[in-house]
Amino acid sequence: MQMNMRVLNYSTFVALMVSTALGYQFLWGVLFLYWTVPNFYSGHAFLVSDVRRDEDPVLFWSVQGAWCVLGLSLIVFDFFPNFLGASW
């Protein structure tokens, strides 16, 4: 199991770097959305330090919302570049 996760991490890193070099940002968007899922269940997120839902709910939900919006916008703007007048 440990080796499989290492291979997955290296593969993901390579895919992110290649997609970025080719001008595609949607994989970063998928990664941002993927990061939010465990945070919803665990009740903590990482910004600069650990942000816990039970200790600071406003910041926790703000971080979660920001990751979701950023992830979705990276996906949408890659597949629909004219959405909301985006020109990149």
C-alpha atoms as a PDB file:
ATOM      1  CA  MET A   1       0.000   0.000   0.000  1.00  0.00           C
ATOM      2  CA  GLN A   2       2.822   2.429   0.879  1.00  0.00           C
ATOM      3  CA  MET A   3       4.491   1.914  -2.502  1.00  0.00           C
ATOM      4  CA  ASN A   4       1.212   2.431  -4.382  1.00  0.00           C
ATOM      5  CA  MET A   5       0.646   5.785  -2.663  1.00  0.00           C
ATOM      6  CA  ARG A   6       4.185   6.895  -3.496  1.00  0.00           C
ATOM      7  CA  VAL A   7       3.643   6.007  -7.150  1.00  0.00           C
ATOM      8  CA  LEU A   8       0.300   7.848  -7.097  1.00  0.00           C
ATOM      9  CA  ASN A   9       1.892  10.944  -5.533  1.00  0.00           C
ATOM     10  CA  TYR A  10       4.739  11.018  -8.051  1.00  0.00           C
ATOM     11  CA  SER A  11       2.354  10.423 -10.954  1.00  0.00           C
ATOM     12  CA  THR A  12       0.043  13.181  -9.748  1.00  0.00           C
ATOM     13  CA  PHE A  13       2.952  15.594  -9.393  1.00  0.00           C
ATOM     14  CA  VAL A  14       4.187  14.849 -12.916  1.00  0.00           C
ATOM     15  CA  ALA A  15       0.662  15.207 -14.338  1.00  0.00           C
ATOM     16  CA  LEU A  16       0.221  18.566 -12.591  1.00  0.00           C
ATOM     17  CA  MET A  17       3.534  19.880 -13.876  1.00  0.00           C
ATOM     18  CA  VAL A  18       2.915  18.695 -17.448  1.00  0.00           C
ATOM     19  CA  SER A  19      -0.621  20.086 -17.532  1.00  0.00           C
ATOM     20  CA  THR A  20       0.592  23.428 -16.169  1.00  0.00           C
ATOM     21  CA  ALA A  21       3.385  23.583 -18.753  1.00  0.00           C
ATOM     22  CA  LEU A  22       0.808  22.911 -21.472  1.00  0.00           C
ATOM     23  CA  GLY A  23      -1.437  25.683 -20.150  1.00  0.00           C
ATOM     24  CA  TYR A  24      -4.126  23.507 -18.584  1.00  0.00           C
ATOM     25  CA  GLN A  25      -5.156  24.408 -15.048  1.00  0.00           C
ATOM     26  CA  PHE A  26      -8.133  22.082 -14.591  1.00  0.00           C
ATOM     27  CA  LEU A  27      -6.061  19.398 -12.850  1.00  0.00           C
ATOM     28  CA  TRP A  28      -5.214  21.926 -10.145  1.00  0.00           C
ATOM     29  CA  GLY A  29      -8.943  22.591  -9.837  1.00  0.00           C
ATOM     30  CA  VAL A  30      -9.636  18.892  -9.424  1.00  0.00           C
ATOM     31  CA  LEU A  31      -6.913  18.721  -6.770  1.00  0.00           C
ATOM     32  CA  PHE A  32      -8.365  21.690  -4.859  1.00  0.00           C
ATOM     33  CA  LEU A  33     -11.784  20.016  -4.853  1.00  0.00           C
ATOM     34  CA  TYR A  34     -10.237  16.701  -3.822  1.00  0.00           C
ATOM     35  CA  TRP A  35      -8.536  18.399  -0.856  1.00  0.00           C
ATOM     36  CA  THR A  36     -11.847  19.739   0.435  1.00  0.00           C
ATOM     37  CA  VAL A  37     -13.546  16.336   0.723  1.00  0.00           C
ATOM     38  CA  PRO A  38     -11.478  14.942   3.622  1.00  0.00           C
ATOM     39  CA  ASN A  39     -11.634  18.334   5.335  1.00  0.00           C
ATOM     40  CA  PHE A  40     -15.426  18.178   5.497  1.00  0.00           C
ATOM     41  CA  TYR A  41     -15.220  14.850   7.314  1.00  0.00           C
ATOM     42  CA  SER A  42     -12.234  15.563   9.538  1.00  0.00           C
ATOM     43  CA  GLY A  43     -13.216  19.087  10.544  1.00  0.00           C
ATOM     44  CA  HIS A  44      -9.811  20.584   9.924  1.00  0.00           C
ATOM     45  CA  ALA A  45      -8.126  22.267   7.005  1.00  0.00           C
ATOM     46  CA  PHE A  46      -4.651  23.601   6.470  1.00  0.00           C
ATOM     47  CA  LEU A  47      -4.076  27.210   5.483  1.00  0.00           C
ATOM     48  CA  VAL A  48      -0.795  28.410   6.962  1.00  0.00           C
ATOM     49  CA  SER A  49      -1.449  26.303  10.024  1.00  0.00           C
ATOM     50  CA  ASP A  50      -4.170  23.881  11.038  1.00  0.00           C
ATOM     51  CA  VAL A  51      -7.661  25.437  11.042  1.00  0.00           C
ATOM     52  CA  ARG A  52     -10.173  23.462  13.086  1.00  0.00           C
ATOM     53  CA  ARG A  53     -13.923  23.677  12.470  1.00  0.00           C
ATOM     54  CA  ASP A  54     -14.762  23.425  16.188  1.00  0.00           C
ATOM     55  CA  GLU A  55     -12.270  26.151  17.193  1.00  0.00           C
ATOM     56  CA  ASP A  56     -12.724  28.632  14.343  1.00  0.00           C
ATOM     57  CA  PRO A  57     -15.795  27.763  12.251  1.00  0.00           C
ATOM     58  CA  VAL A  58     -15.847  31.038  10.281  1.00  0.00           C
ATOM     59  CA  LEU A  59     -12.275  30.656   9.062  1.00  0.00           C
ATOM     60  CA  PHE A  60     -12.723  26.915   8.439  1.00  0.00           C
ATOM     61  CA  TRP A  61     -15.774  27.431   6.219  1.00  0.00           C
ATOM     62  CA  SER A  62     -14.149  30.429   4.515  1.00  0.00           C
ATOM     63  CA  VAL A  63     -11.133  28.298   3.600  1.00  0.00           C
ATOM     64  CA  GLN A  64     -13.364  25.450   2.423  1.00  0.00           C
ATOM     65  CA  GLY A  65     -15.447  27.831   0.339  1.00  0.00           C
ATOM     66  CA  ALA A  66     -12.347  29.434  -1.173  1.00  0.00           C
ATOM     67  CA  TRP A  67     -10.899  26.040  -2.167  1.00  0.00           C
ATOM     68  CA  CYS A  68     -14.208  25.030  -3.750  1.00  0.00           C
ATOM     69  CA  VAL A  69     -14.600  28.299  -5.675  1.00  0.00           C
ATOM     70  CA  LEU A  70     -10.969  28.243  -6.799  1.00  0.00           C
ATOM     71  CA  GLY A  71     -11.200  24.594  -7.845  1.00  0.00           C
ATOM     72  CA  LEU A  72     -14.424  25.060  -9.772  1.00  0.00           C
ATOM     73  CA  SER A  73     -13.207  28.244 -11.447  1.00  0.00           C
ATOM     74  CA  LEU A  74      -9.990  26.571 -12.647  1.00  0.00           C
ATOM     75  CA  ILE A  75     -12.041  23.747 -14.143  1.00  0.00           C
ATOM     76  CA  VAL A  76     -14.700  25.985 -15.702  1.00  0.00           C
ATOM     77  CA  PHE A  77     -12.254  28.493 -17.183  1.00  0.00           C
ATOM     78  CA  ASP A  78     -10.206  25.709 -18.781  1.00  0.00           C
ATOM     79  CA  PHE A  79     -13.174  24.002 -20.422  1.00  0.00           C
ATOM     80  CA  PHE A  80     -15.253  27.143 -21.060  1.00  0.00           C
ATOM     81  CA  PRO A  81     -12.755  29.982 -21.623  1.00  0.00           C
ATOM     82  CA  ASN A  82     -15.463  32.487 -22.614  1.00  0.00           C
ATOM     83  CA  PHE A  83     -17.462  31.900 -19.418  1.00  0.00           C
ATOM     84  CA  LEU A  84     -17.998  35.236 -17.654  1.00  0.00           C
ATOM     85  CA  GLY A  85     -15.896  36.986 -20.278  1.00  0.00           C
ATOM     86  CA  ALA A  86     -12.652  35.254 -19.275  1.00  0.00           C
ATOM     87  CA  SER A  87     -10.056  35.709 -21.970  1.00  0.00           C
ATOM     88  CA  TRP A  88      -7.279  33.386 -20.809  1.00  0.00           C
END
